[in-house]
PDB file of N, CA and C in Angstrom:
ATOM      1  N   MET A   1      -8.019 -20.913   0.611  1.00  0.00           N
ATOM      2  CA  MET A   1      -9.167 -20.013   1.076  1.00  0.00           C
ATOM      3  C   MET A   1      -9.490 -19.244  -0.085  1.00  0.00           C
ATOM      4  N   THR A   2     -10.979 -19.113  -0.282  1.00  0.00           N
ATOM      5  CA  THR A   2     -11.307 -18.070  -1.431  1.00  0.00           C
ATOM      6  C   THR A   2     -11.741 -16.989  -0.826  1.00  0.00           C
ATOM      7  N   VAL A   3     -11.441 -16.137  -1.074  1.00  0.00           N
ATOM      8  CA  VAL A   3     -11.985 -14.670  -0.914  1.00  0.00           C
ATOM      9  C   VAL A   3     -13.178 -14.137  -1.684  1.00  0.00           C
ATOM     10  N   ARG A   4     -14.157 -13.946  -1.200  1.00  0.00           N
ATOM     11  CA  ARG A   4     -15.255 -13.767  -1.834  1.00  0.00           C
ATOM     12  C   ARG A   4     -16.151 -12.580  -1.404  1.00  0.00           C
ATOM     13  N   ALA A   5     -16.851 -11.514  -2.113  1.00  0.00           N
ATOM     14  CA  ALA A   5     -17.756 -10.493  -1.566  1.00  0.00           C
ATOM     15  C   ALA A   5     -18.675 -10.370  -2.379  1.00  0.00           C
ATOM     16  N   SER A   6     -19.830 -10.617  -1.665  1.00  0.00           N
ATOM     17  CA  SER A   6     -21.046 -10.402  -2.411  1.00  0.00           C
ATOM     18  C   SER A   6     -22.004  -9.834  -1.614  1.00  0.00           C
ATOM     19  N   HIS A   7     -22.847  -9.295  -2.278  1.00  0.00           N
ATOM     20  CA  HIS A   7     -24.122  -8.364  -1.768  1.00  0.00           C
ATOM     21  C   HIS A   7     -24.731  -9.294  -0.399  1.00  0.00           C
ATOM     22  N   ALA A   8     -25.218 -10.485  -0.808  1.00  0.00           N
ATOM     23  CA  ALA A   8     -25.898 -11.224   0.211  1.00  0.00           C
ATOM     24  C   ALA A   8     -25.043 -11.497   1.390  1.00  0.00           C
ATOM     25  N   SER A   9     -23.685 -11.960   1.106  1.00  0.00           N
ATOM     26  CA  SER A   9     -22.971 -12.059   2.342  1.00  0.00           C
ATOM     27  C   SER A   9     -22.474 -10.917   2.855  1.00  0.00           C
ATOM     28  N   LEU A  10     -22.296  -9.827   2.367  1.00  0.00           N
ATOM     29  CA  LEU A  10     -21.901  -8.505   3.124  1.00  0.00           C
ATOM     30  C   LEU A  10     -23.254  -8.076   3.882  1.00  0.00           C
ATOM     31  N   SER A  11     -24.258  -8.326   3.295  1.00  0.00           N
ATOM     32  CA  SER A  11     -25.656  -7.906   4.291  1.00  0.00           C
ATOM     33  C   SER A  11     -25.661  -8.802   5.569  1.00  0.00           C
ATOM     34  N   HIS A  12     -25.223 -10.066   5.439  1.00  0.00           N
ATOM     35  CA  HIS A  12     -25.521 -10.980   6.306  1.00  0.00           C
ATOM     36  C   HIS A  12     -24.395 -10.556   7.413  1.00  0.00           C
ATOM     37  N   GLU A  13     -23.071 -10.199   6.858  1.00  0.00           N
ATOM     38  CA  GLU A  13     -22.158 -10.001   7.801  1.00  0.00           C
ATOM     39  C   GLU A  13     -22.348  -8.600   8.488  1.00  0.00           C
ATOM     40  N   ALA A  14     -22.791  -7.931   7.817  1.00  0.00           N
ATOM     41  CA  ALA A  14     -23.053  -6.412   8.238  1.00  0.00           C
ATOM     42  C   ALA A  14     -24.075  -6.483   9.398  1.00  0.00           C
ATOM     43  N   GLY A  15     -25.020  -7.452   9.530  1.00  0.00           N
ATOM     44  CA  GLY A  15     -26.184  -7.706  10.173  1.00  0.00           C
ATOM     45  C   GLY A  15     -25.415  -8.274  11.569  1.00  0.00           C
ATOM     46  N   HIS A  16     -24.393  -9.086  11.447  1.00  0.00           N
ATOM     47  CA  HIS A  16     -23.852  -9.390  12.900  1.00  0.00           C
ATOM     48  C   HIS A  16     -22.765  -8.466  13.330  1.00  0.00           C
ATOM     49  N   ILE A  17     -22.409  -7.581  12.782  1.00  0.00           N
ATOM     50  CA  ILE A  17     -21.562  -6.614  13.624  1.00  0.00           C
ATOM     51  C   ILE A  17     -22.203  -5.976  14.647  1.00  0.00           C
ATOM     52  N   GLY A  18     -21.946  -6.400  15.749  1.00  0.00           N
ATOM     53  CA  GLY A  18     -22.371  -5.811  17.010  1.00  0.00           C
ATOM     54  C   GLY A  18     -22.178  -4.389  17.326  1.00  0.00           C
ATOM     55  N   ARG A  19     -21.114  -4.001  16.699  1.00  0.00           N
ATOM     56  CA  ARG A  19     -20.633  -2.374  17.056  1.00  0.00           C
ATOM     57  C   ARG A  19     -21.223  -1.452  16.263  1.00  0.00           C
ATOM     58  N   ILE A  20     -22.217  -2.021  14.997  1.00  0.00           N
ATOM     59  CA  ILE A  20     -22.817  -1.214  14.263  1.00  0.00           C
ATOM     60  C   ILE A  20     -24.233  -1.213  14.448  1.00  0.00           C
ATOM     61  N   ASP A  21     -25.070  -0.217  14.602  1.00  0.00           N
ATOM     62  CA  ASP A  21     -26.416  -0.178  14.684  1.00  0.00           C
ATOM     63  C   ASP A  21     -27.112  -0.725  13.352  1.00  0.00           C
ATOM     64  N   ALA A  22     -28.544  -0.963  13.515  1.00  0.00           N
ATOM     65  CA  ALA A  22     -29.141  -1.255  12.037  1.00  0.00           C
ATOM     66  C   ALA A  22     -29.077  -0.239  10.991  1.00  0.00           C
ATOM     67  N   ARG A  23     -29.264   0.967  11.349  1.00  0.00           N
ATOM     68  CA  ARG A  23     -28.952   1.928  10.116  1.00  0.00           C
ATOM     69  C   ARG A  23     -27.746   2.008   9.594  1.00  0.00           C
ATOM     70  N   CYS A  24     -26.623   1.891  10.741  1.00  0.00           N
ATOM     71  CA  CYS A  24     -25.297   2.056   9.924  1.00  0.00           C
ATOM     72  C   CYS A  24     -25.041   0.608   9.162  1.00  0.00           C
ATOM     73  N   ALA A  25     -25.566  -0.608   9.734  1.00  0.00           N
ATOM     74  CA  ALA A  25     -25.334  -1.509   8.952  1.00  0.00           C
ATOM     75  C   ALA A  25     -25.781  -1.580   7.494  1.00  0.00           C
ATOM     76  N   SER A  26     -26.963  -1.121   7.519  1.00  0.00           N
ATOM     77  CA  SER A  26     -27.808  -0.951   6.037  1.00  0.00           C
ATOM     78  C   SER A  26     -26.896   0.094   5.267  1.00  0.00           C
ATOM     79  N   ILE A  27     -26.371   0.844   5.711  1.00  0.00           N
ATOM     80  CA  ILE A  27     -25.460   1.726   4.808  1.00  0.00           C
ATOM     81  C   ILE A  27     -24.248   1.238   4.619  1.00  0.00           C
ATOM     82  N   TYR A  28     -23.698   0.283   5.605  1.00  0.00           N
ATOM     83  CA  TYR A  28     -22.575  -0.527   5.336  1.00  0.00           C
ATOM     84  C   TYR A  28     -22.580  -1.339   4.055  1.00  0.00           C
ATOM     85  N   ALA A  29     -23.773  -2.113   4.145  1.00  0.00           N
ATOM     86  CA  ALA A  29     -24.136  -2.983   3.055  1.00  0.00           C
ATOM     87  C   ALA A  29     -24.480  -2.468   1.761  1.00  0.00           C
ATOM     88  N   ARG A  30     -24.956  -1.283   1.754  1.00  0.00           N
ATOM     89  CA  ARG A  30     -25.215  -0.635   0.472  1.00  0.00           C
ATOM     90  C   ARG A  30     -23.835  -0.185   0.105  1.00  0.00           C
ATOM     91  N   GLY A  31     -23.069   0.493   0.579  1.00  0.00           N
ATOM     92  CA  GLY A  31     -21.787   0.777   0.227  1.00  0.00           C
ATOM     93  C   GLY A  31     -20.813  -0.352  -0.478  1.00  0.00           C
ATOM     94  N   MET A  32     -20.896  -1.630   0.421  1.00  0.00           N
ATOM     95  CA  MET A  32     -20.248  -2.822  -0.045  1.00  0.00           C
ATOM     96  C   MET A  32     -20.880  -3.233  -1.097  1.00  0.00           C
ATOM     97  N   ALA A  33     -22.022  -3.216  -1.420  1.00  0.00           N
ATOM     98  CA  ALA A  33     -22.609  -3.800  -2.798  1.00  0.00           C
ATOM     99  C   ALA A  33     -22.142  -3.063  -3.987  1.00  0.00           C
ATOM    100  N   ARG A  34     -21.483  -1.949  -3.806  1.00  0.00           N
ATOM    101  CA  ARG A  34     -20.930  -1.729  -4.868  1.00  0.00           C
ATOM    102  C   ARG A  34     -19.696  -2.089  -5.584  1.00  0.00           C
ATOM    103  N   ARG A  35     -19.243  -2.638  -4.657  1.00  0.00           N
ATOM    104  CA  ARG A  35     -17.785  -3.294  -4.835  1.00  0.00           C
ATOM    105  C   ARG A  35     -18.041  -4.507  -5.727  1.00  0.00           C
ATOM    106  N   THR A  36     -16.729  -4.955  -6.468  1.00  0.00           N
ATOM    107  CA  THR A  36     -16.524  -6.053  -7.305  1.00  0.00           C
ATOM    108  C   THR A  36     -16.531  -7.212  -6.691  1.00  0.00           C
ATOM    109  N   THR A  37     -16.929  -8.228  -7.272  1.00  0.00           N
ATOM    110  CA  THR A  37     -17.120  -9.591  -6.728  1.00  0.00           C
ATOM    111  C   THR A  37     -15.884 -10.310  -7.313  1.00  0.00           C
ATOM    112  N   LEU A  38     -14.972 -10.820  -6.497  1.00  0.00           N
ATOM    113  CA  LEU A  38     -13.654 -11.341  -7.097  1.00  0.00           C
ATOM    114  C   LEU A  38     -13.346 -12.472  -6.385  1.00  0.00           C
ATOM    115  N   ASN A  39     -13.230 -13.829  -6.933  1.00  0.00           N
ATOM    116  CA  ASN A  39     -12.762 -15.088  -6.466  1.00  0.00           C
ATOM    117  C   ASN A  39     -11.339 -15.319  -6.550  1.00  0.00           C
ATOM    118  N   VAL A  40     -10.560 -15.436  -5.461  1.00  0.00           N
ATOM    119  CA  VAL A  40      -8.936 -15.189  -5.423  1.00  0.00           C
ATOM    120  C   VAL A  40      -8.533 -16.470  -4.870  1.00  0.00           C
ATOM    121  N   SER A  41      -7.680 -17.291  -5.341  1.00  0.00           N
ATOM    122  CA  SER A  41      -7.063 -18.717  -4.833  1.00  0.00           C
ATOM    123  C   SER A  41      -5.855 -18.144  -4.107  1.00  0.00           C
ATOM    124  N   LEU A  42      -5.593 -18.430  -2.909  1.00  0.00           N
ATOM    125  CA  LEU A  42      -4.580 -18.339  -1.926  1.00  0.00           C
ATOM    126  C   LEU A  42      -3.835 -19.608  -1.736  1.00  0.00           C
ATOM    127  N   THR A  43      -2.562 -19.412  -1.459  1.00  0.00           N
ATOM    128  CA  THR A  43      -1.691 -20.555  -0.773  1.00  0.00           C
ATOM    129  C   THR A  43      -2.146 -20.714   0.614  1.00  0.00           C
ATOM    130  N   PRO A  44      -1.519 -22.002   0.774  1.00  0.00           N
ATOM    131  CA  PRO A  44      -2.306 -22.193   2.457  1.00  0.00           C
ATOM    132  C   PRO A  44      -1.402 -21.196   3.320  1.00  0.00           C
ATOM    133  N   GLU A  45      -0.220 -20.783   3.030  1.00  0.00           N
ATOM    134  CA  GLU A  45       0.460 -19.636   3.904  1.00  0.00           C
ATOM    135  C   GLU A  45      -0.398 -18.242   4.102  1.00  0.00           C
ATOM    136  N   LEU A  46      -0.801 -17.890   2.719  1.00  0.00           N
ATOM    137  CA  LEU A  46      -1.724 -16.763   2.788  1.00  0.00           C
ATOM    138  C   LEU A  46      -3.006 -16.617   3.346  1.00  0.00           C
ATOM    139  N   SER A  47      -3.585 -17.838   3.312  1.00  0.00           N
ATOM    140  CA  SER A  47      -4.963 -18.174   3.899  1.00  0.00           C
ATOM    141  C   SER A  47      -4.653 -18.011   5.506  1.00  0.00           C
ATOM    142  N   GLN A  48      -3.641 -18.854   5.888  1.00  0.00           N
ATOM    143  CA  GLN A  48      -3.324 -18.725   7.392  1.00  0.00           C
ATOM    144  C   GLN A  48      -2.834 -17.360   7.697  1.00  0.00           C
ATOM    145  N   PHE A  49      -2.212 -16.480   7.139  1.00  0.00           N
ATOM    146  CA  PHE A  49      -2.231 -15.168   7.262  1.00  0.00           C
ATOM    147  C   PHE A  49      -3.327 -14.598   7.627  1.00  0.00           C
ATOM    148  N   ILE A  50      -4.142 -14.435   6.691  1.00  0.00           N
ATOM    149  CA  ILE A  50      -5.627 -14.084   6.601  1.00  0.00           C
ATOM    150  C   ILE A  50      -6.299 -14.571   7.993  1.00  0.00           C
ATOM    151  N   GLU A  51      -6.156 -15.857   8.358  1.00  0.00           N
ATOM    152  CA  GLU A  51      -6.925 -16.407   9.224  1.00  0.00           C
ATOM    153  C   GLU A  51      -6.320 -15.676  10.614  1.00  0.00           C
ATOM    154  N   ARG A  52      -4.784 -15.478  10.882  1.00  0.00           N
ATOM    155  CA  ARG A  52      -4.312 -14.703  11.882  1.00  0.00           C
ATOM    156  C   ARG A  52      -4.683 -13.381  12.232  1.00  0.00           C
ATOM    157  N   ARG A  53      -4.842 -12.697  11.056  1.00  0.00           N
ATOM    158  CA  ARG A  53      -5.144 -11.331  11.099  1.00  0.00           C
ATOM    159  C   ARG A  53      -6.834 -11.336  11.601  1.00  0.00           C
ATOM    160  N   LEU A  54      -7.639 -12.133  11.146  1.00  0.00           N
ATOM    161  CA  LEU A  54      -9.042 -12.123  11.893  1.00  0.00           C
ATOM    162  C   LEU A  54      -9.041 -12.532  13.309  1.00  0.00           C
ATOM    163  N   ARG A  55      -8.455 -13.435  13.464  1.00  0.00           N
ATOM    164  CA  ARG A  55      -8.348 -13.822  14.961  1.00  0.00           C
ATOM    165  C   ARG A  55      -7.580 -12.547  15.809  1.00  0.00           C
ATOM    166  N   SER A  56      -6.831 -11.938  15.295  1.00  0.00           N
ATOM    167  CA  SER A  56      -6.363 -10.740  16.016  1.00  0.00           C
ATOM    168  C   SER A  56      -7.436  -9.534  16.381  1.00  0.00           C
ATOM    169  N   GLY A  57      -8.585  -9.791  15.784  1.00  0.00           N
ATOM    170  CA  GLY A  57      -9.534  -8.926  15.969  1.00  0.00           C
ATOM    171  C   GLY A  57      -9.594  -7.649  15.104  1.00  0.00           C
ATOM    172  N   LYS A  58      -8.366  -7.381  14.562  1.00  0.00           N
ATOM    173  CA  LYS A  58      -8.265  -6.109  13.818  1.00  0.00           C
ATOM    174  C   LYS A  58      -9.042  -5.852  12.660  1.00  0.00           C
ATOM    175  N   TYR A  59      -9.620  -7.193  12.069  1.00  0.00           N
ATOM    176  CA  TYR A  59     -10.452  -7.359  10.892  1.00  0.00           C
ATOM    177  C   TYR A  59     -11.642  -8.178  11.176  1.00  0.00           C
ATOM    178  N   THR A  60     -12.839  -8.026  10.523  1.00  0.00           N
ATOM    179  CA  THR A  60     -13.868  -8.777  10.922  1.00  0.00           C
ATOM    180  C   THR A  60     -14.083  -9.744   9.463  1.00  0.00           C
ATOM    181  N   THR A  61     -13.580  -9.376   8.443  1.00  0.00           N
ATOM    182  CA  THR A  61     -13.883 -10.375   7.292  1.00  0.00           C
ATOM    183  C   THR A  61     -12.468 -10.598   6.483  1.00  0.00           C
ATOM    184  N   ALA A  62     -12.567 -11.453   5.733  1.00  0.00           N
ATOM    185  CA  ALA A  62     -11.307 -11.670   5.026  1.00  0.00           C
ATOM    186  C   ALA A  62     -11.282 -10.861   3.693  1.00  0.00           C
ATOM    187  N   SER A  63     -12.199 -10.419   3.629  1.00  0.00           N
ATOM    188  CA  SER A  63     -12.225  -9.044   2.340  1.00  0.00           C
ATOM    189  C   SER A  63     -11.583  -7.614   2.943  1.00  0.00           C
ATOM    190  N   GLU A  64     -11.803  -7.455   4.186  1.00  0.00           N
ATOM    191  CA  GLU A  64     -11.206  -6.552   4.812  1.00  0.00           C
ATOM    192  C   GLU A  64      -9.400  -6.577   4.737  1.00  0.00           C
ATOM    193  N   VAL A  65      -9.323  -7.740   5.378  1.00  0.00           N
ATOM    194  CA  VAL A  65      -7.628  -8.122   5.093  1.00  0.00           C
ATOM    195  C   VAL A  65      -7.044  -7.746   3.885  1.00  0.00           C
ATOM    196  N   VAL A  66      -7.927  -8.445   2.840  1.00  0.00           N
ATOM    197  CA  VAL A  66      -7.275  -8.255   1.332  1.00  0.00           C
ATOM    198  C   VAL A  66      -7.332  -6.599   0.974  1.00  0.00           C
ATOM    199  N   ARG A  67      -8.256  -5.896   1.321  1.00  0.00           N
ATOM    200  CA  ARG A  67      -8.420  -4.633   0.677  1.00  0.00           C
ATOM    201  C   ARG A  67      -7.230  -3.984   1.392  1.00  0.00           C
ATOM    202  N   ALA A  68      -6.991  -4.262   2.710  1.00  0.00           N
ATOM    203  CA  ALA A  68      -5.733  -3.453   3.335  1.00  0.00           C
ATOM    204  C   ALA A  68      -4.552  -4.051   2.712  1.00  0.00           C
ATOM    205  N   ALA A  69      -4.518  -5.012   2.430  1.00  0.00           N
ATOM    206  CA  ALA A  69      -3.257  -5.573   1.924  1.00  0.00           C
ATOM    207  C   ALA A  69      -2.873  -4.953   0.603  1.00  0.00           C
ATOM    208  N   LEU A  70      -3.976  -4.703  -0.421  1.00  0.00           N
ATOM    209  CA  LEU A  70      -3.914  -4.150  -1.555  1.00  0.00           C
ATOM    210  C   LEU A  70      -3.783  -2.629  -1.695  1.00  0.00           C
ATOM    211  N   ARG A  71      -4.309  -1.944  -0.622  1.00  0.00           N
ATOM    212  CA  ARG A  71      -3.872  -0.513  -0.270  1.00  0.00           C
ATOM    213  C   ARG A  71      -2.332  -0.446   0.050  1.00  0.00           C
ATOM    214  N   LEU A  72      -1.941  -1.194   0.709  1.00  0.00           N
ATOM    215  CA  LEU A  72      -0.358  -1.192   0.967  1.00  0.00           C
ATOM    216  C   LEU A  72       0.449  -1.440  -0.131  1.00  0.00           C
ATOM    217  N   LEU A  73      -0.176  -2.368  -1.043  1.00  0.00           N
ATOM    218  CA  LEU A  73       0.828  -2.871  -2.306  1.00  0.00           C
ATOM    219  C   LEU A  73       0.702  -1.666  -3.380  1.00  0.00           C
ATOM    220  N   GLU A  74      -0.384  -0.809  -3.277  1.00  0.00           N
ATOM    221  CA  GLU A  74      -0.656   0.129  -4.075  1.00  0.00           C
ATOM    222  C   GLU A  74       0.308   1.519  -3.648  1.00  0.00           C
ATOM    223  N   GLU A  75       0.465   1.630  -2.374  1.00  0.00           N
ATOM    224  CA  GLU A  75       1.388   2.759  -1.826  1.00  0.00           C
ATOM    225  C   GLU A  75       2.493   2.224  -2.023  1.00  0.00           C
ATOM    226  N   ARG A  76       3.144   1.188  -1.942  1.00  0.00           N
ATOM    227  CA  ARG A  76       4.316   0.633  -1.927  1.00  0.00           C
ATOM    228  C   ARG A  76       4.900   0.883  -3.392  1.00  0.00           C
ATOM    229  N   GLU A  77       3.939   0.576  -4.376  1.00  0.00           N
ATOM    230  CA  GLU A  77       4.494   0.648  -5.624  1.00  0.00           C
ATOM    231  C   GLU A  77       4.418   2.313  -6.265  1.00  0.00           C
ATOM    232  N   ARG A  78       3.571   2.985  -5.426  1.00  0.00           N
ATOM    233  CA  ARG A  78       3.686   4.534  -6.018  1.00  0.00           C
ATOM    234  C   ARG A  78       5.016   4.973  -5.601  1.00  0.00           C
ATOM    235  N   VAL A  79       5.371   4.736  -4.318  1.00  0.00           N
ATOM    236  CA  VAL A  79       6.524   5.381  -3.620  1.00  0.00           C
ATOM    237  C   VAL A  79       7.816   5.556  -4.717  1.00  0.00           C
ATOM    238  N   PRO A  80       8.132   4.263  -5.271  1.00  0.00           N
ATOM    239  CA  PRO A  80       9.301   4.368  -6.097  1.00  0.00           C
ATOM    240  C   PRO A  80       9.051   5.144  -7.257  1.00  0.00           C
ATOM    241  N   VAL A  81       7.839   5.390  -7.658  1.00  0.00           N
ATOM    242  CA  VAL A  81       7.700   6.307  -8.880  1.00  0.00           C
ATOM    243  C   VAL A  81       7.799   7.664  -8.187  1.00  0.00           C
ATOM    244  N   GLN A  82       7.851   8.043  -7.201  1.00  0.00           N
ATOM    245  CA  GLN A  82       7.880   9.425  -6.510  1.00  0.00           C
ATOM    246  C   GLN A  82       9.440   9.540  -6.550  1.00  0.00           C
ATOM    247  N   GLY A  83      10.038   8.583  -5.948  1.00  0.00           N
ATOM    248  CA  GLY A  83      11.665   8.494  -5.485  1.00  0.00           C
ATOM    249  C   GLY A  83      12.144   8.725  -7.109  1.00  0.00           C
ATOM    250  N   ILE A  84      12.038   8.066  -8.186  1.00  0.00           N
ATOM    251  CA  ILE A  84      12.465   8.330  -9.424  1.00  0.00           C
ATOM    252  C   ILE A  84      12.268   9.680  -9.793  1.00  0.00           C
ATOM    253  N   ALA A  85      11.155  10.445  -9.759  1.00  0.00           N
ATOM    254  CA  ALA A  85      10.952  11.880 -10.060  1.00  0.00           C
ATOM    255  C   ALA A  85      11.670  12.712  -9.133  1.00  0.00           C
ATOM    256  N   GLU A  86      11.977  12.316  -7.898  1.00  0.00           N
ATOM    257  CA  GLU A  86      12.982  13.139  -6.972  1.00  0.00           C
ATOM    258  C   GLU A  86      14.356  13.102  -7.603  1.00  0.00           C
ATOM    259  N   LEU A  87      14.823  11.727  -8.058  1.00  0.00           N
ATOM    260  CA  LEU A  87      16.140  11.568  -8.462  1.00  0.00           C
ATOM    261  C   LEU A  87      16.353  12.426  -9.951  1.00  0.00           C
ATOM    262  N   LYS A  88      15.363  12.225 -10.827  1.00  0.00           N
ATOM    263  CA  LYS A  88      15.643  13.003 -11.938  1.00  0.00           C
ATOM    264  C   LYS A  88      15.627  14.645 -11.845  1.00  0.00           C
ATOM    265  N   ALA A  89      15.025  14.946 -10.886  1.00  0.00           N
ATOM    266  CA  ALA A  89      14.939  16.312 -10.597  1.00  0.00           C
ATOM    267  C   ALA A  89      16.366  16.657  -9.878  1.00  0.00           C
ATOM    268  N   GLU A  90      16.911  16.124  -9.029  1.00  0.00           N
ATOM    269  CA  GLU A  90      18.181  15.995  -8.552  1.00  0.00           C
ATOM    270  C   GLU A  90      19.570  16.108  -9.641  1.00  0.00           C
ATOM    271  N   ILE A  91      19.065  15.139 -10.656  1.00  0.00           N
ATOM    272  CA  ILE A  91      20.144  14.992 -11.912  1.00  0.00           C
ATOM    273  C   ILE A  91      20.066  16.315 -12.538  1.00  0.00           C
ATOM    274  N   GLU A  92      18.690  16.761 -13.011  1.00  0.00           N
ATOM    275  CA  GLU A  92      18.723  17.970 -13.848  1.00  0.00           C
ATOM    276  C   GLU A  92      19.318  19.023 -13.070  1.00  0.00           C
ATOM    277  N   HIS A  93      19.259  19.293 -11.544  1.00  0.00           N
ATOM    278  CA  HIS A  93      19.879  20.376 -10.978  1.00  0.00           C
ATOM    279  C   HIS A  93      21.234  20.263 -11.032  1.00  0.00           C
ATOM    280  N   GLY A  94      21.889  18.822 -11.077  1.00  0.00           N
ATOM    281  CA  GLY A  94      23.385  18.580 -11.304  1.00  0.00           C
ATOM    282  C   GLY A  94      23.680  19.239 -12.439  1.00  0.00           C
ATOM    283  N   LEU A  95      23.007  18.771 -13.515  1.00  0.00           N
ATOM    284  CA  LEU A  95      23.397  19.168 -14.905  1.00  0.00           C
ATOM    285  C   LEU A  95      23.507  20.726 -15.159  1.00  0.00           C
ATOM    286  N   GLU A  96      22.217  21.367 -14.517  1.00  0.00           N
ATOM    287  CA  GLU A  96      22.379  23.022 -14.366  1.00  0.00           C
ATOM    288  C   GLU A  96      23.612  23.358 -14.183  1.00  0.00           C
ATOM    289  N   GLN A  97      23.997  22.913 -12.846  1.00  0.00           N
ATOM    290  CA  GLN A  97      25.257  23.128 -12.186  1.00  0.00           C
ATOM    291  C   GLN A  97      26.691  23.048 -13.367  1.00  0.00           C
ATOM    292  N   LEU A  98      26.209  21.896 -13.726  1.00  0.00           N
ATOM    293  CA  LEU A  98      27.402  21.927 -14.597  1.00  0.00           C
ATOM    294  C   LEU A  98      27.482  22.824 -15.907  1.00  0.00           C
ATOM    295  N   ARG A  99      26.391  23.048 -16.564  1.00  0.00           N
ATOM    296  CA  ARG A  99      26.200  24.080 -17.547  1.00  0.00           C
ATOM    297  C   ARG A  99      26.699  25.485 -16.960  1.00  0.00           C
ATOM    298  N   ARG A 100      26.727  25.760 -15.529  1.00  0.00           N
ATOM    299  CA  ARG A 100      27.140  26.964 -15.234  1.00  0.00           C
ATOM    300  C   ARG A 100      28.367  27.067 -14.610  1.00  0.00           C
ATOM    301  N   GLY A 101      29.305  26.129 -14.854  1.00  0.00           N
ATOM    302  CA  GLY A 101      30.480  25.889 -14.527  1.00  0.00           C
ATOM    303  C   GLY A 101      30.786  25.463 -13.147  1.00  0.00           C
ATOM    304  N   GLU A 102      29.586  25.128 -12.426  1.00  0.00           N
ATOM    305  CA  GLU A 102      29.804  25.003 -11.089  1.00  0.00           C
ATOM    306  C   GLU A 102      30.149  23.485 -10.898  1.00  0.00           C
ATOM    307  N   SER A 103      31.539  23.062 -10.982  1.00  0.00           N
ATOM    308  CA  SER A 103      31.700  21.736 -11.003  1.00  0.00           C
ATOM    309  C   SER A 103      33.081  21.693 -10.359  1.00  0.00           C
ATOM    310  N   VAL A 104      33.286  20.396  -9.931  1.00  0.00           N
ATOM    311  CA  VAL A 104      34.744  19.965  -9.266  1.00  0.00           C
ATOM    312  C   VAL A 104      35.187  18.761 -10.234  1.00  0.00           C
ATOM    313  N   ASP A 105      36.381  18.675 -10.366  1.00  0.00           N
ATOM    314  CA  ASP A 105      37.005  17.590 -11.050  1.00  0.00           C
ATOM    315  C   ASP A 105      36.990  16.231 -10.101  1.00  0.00           C
ATOM    316  N   GLY A 106      36.922  15.085 -10.720  1.00  0.00           N
ATOM    317  CA  GLY A 106      36.884  14.090 -10.064  1.00  0.00           C
ATOM    318  C   GLY A 106      38.059  13.569  -8.954  1.00  0.00           C
ATOM    319  N   ASP A 107      39.235  14.315  -9.156  1.00  0.00           N
ATOM    320  CA  ASP A 107      40.296  14.135  -8.193  1.00  0.00           C
ATOM    321  C   ASP A 107      40.147  15.039  -7.232  1.00  0.00           C
ATOM    322  N   THR A 108      39.727  16.224  -7.436  1.00  0.00           N
ATOM    323  CA  THR A 108      39.514  17.238  -6.330  1.00  0.00           C
ATOM    324  C   THR A 108      38.424  16.750  -5.452  1.00  0.00           C
ATOM    325  N   PHE A 109      37.361  16.335  -6.001  1.00  0.00           N
ATOM    326  CA  PHE A 109      36.219  15.719  -5.287  1.00  0.00           C
ATOM    327  C   PHE A 109      36.518  14.574  -4.195  1.00  0.00           C
ATOM    328  N   PHE A 110      37.301  13.408  -4.809  1.00  0.00           N
ATOM    329  CA  PHE A 110      37.835  12.370  -4.252  1.00  0.00           C
ATOM    330  C   PHE A 110      38.835  12.844  -3.028  1.00  0.00           C
ATOM    331  N   THR A 111      39.673  13.624  -3.158  1.00  0.00           N
ATOM    332  CA  THR A 111      40.518  14.432  -2.170  1.00  0.00           C
ATOM    333  C   THR A 111      39.919  14.997  -1.044  1.00  0.00           C
ATOM    334  N   GLU A 112      38.736  15.676  -1.406  1.00  0.00           N
ATOM    335  CA  GLU A 112      37.919  16.453  -0.609  1.00  0.00           C
ATOM    336  C   GLU A 112      37.071  15.417   0.166  1.00  0.00           C
ATOM    337  N   LEU A 113      36.586  14.632  -0.147  1.00  0.00           N
ATOM    338  CA  LEU A 113      35.956  13.463   0.171  1.00  0.00           C
ATOM    339  C   LEU A 113      36.731  12.709   1.385  1.00  0.00           C
ATOM    340  N   ARG A 114      38.085  12.504   1.010  1.00  0.00           N
ATOM    341  CA  ARG A 114      38.795  11.535   1.726  1.00  0.00           C
ATOM    342  C   ARG A 114      39.065  12.407   3.036  1.00  0.00           C
ATOM    343  N   ALA A 115      39.384  13.668   2.790  1.00  0.00           N
ATOM    344  CA  ALA A 115      39.839  14.697   3.926  1.00  0.00           C
ATOM    345  C   ALA A 115      38.661  14.848   4.914  1.00  0.00           C
ATOM    346  N   GLY A 116      37.524  14.658   4.423  1.00  0.00           N
ATOM    347  CA  GLY A 116      36.402  14.789   5.138  1.00  0.00           C
ATOM    348  C   GLY A 116      36.182  13.632   6.144  1.00  0.00           C
ATOM    349  N   ARG A 117      36.478  12.425   5.603  1.00  0.00           N
ATOM    350  CA  ARG A 117      36.434  11.431   6.588  1.00  0.00           C
ATOM    351  C   ARG A 117      37.418  11.265   7.539  1.00  0.00           C
ATOM    352  N   ASN A 118      38.796  11.872   7.644  1.00  0.00           N
ATOM    353  CA  ASN A 118      39.605  11.843   8.547  1.00  0.00           C
ATOM    354  C   ASN A 118      39.297  12.467   9.797  1.00  0.00           C
TER     355      ASN A 118
END
């Protein structure tokens, strides 16, 4: 499947969306026209996935499915960065505690840990 979004095809699609009146369809088409056209080659499995999403009725075009997938990928890739920042902050907090002498030696730590499990 090739995913392609162009001004002409989007205007045509917008005209066939029954839930959107003519004025909204025009606004929709103008907004979509500002997007970049990109051809993407997909595996048969990904093509079938897109077709299933379209048949579900949640999406009206393959472009909508691809945009939703890309937004999820973008969010997924952003989350680990946030996790790394939090981890670095925790490490810095621990190092500050060590500098202040607020530490426990390893043997004491594990003894207390084992006692807590019993």
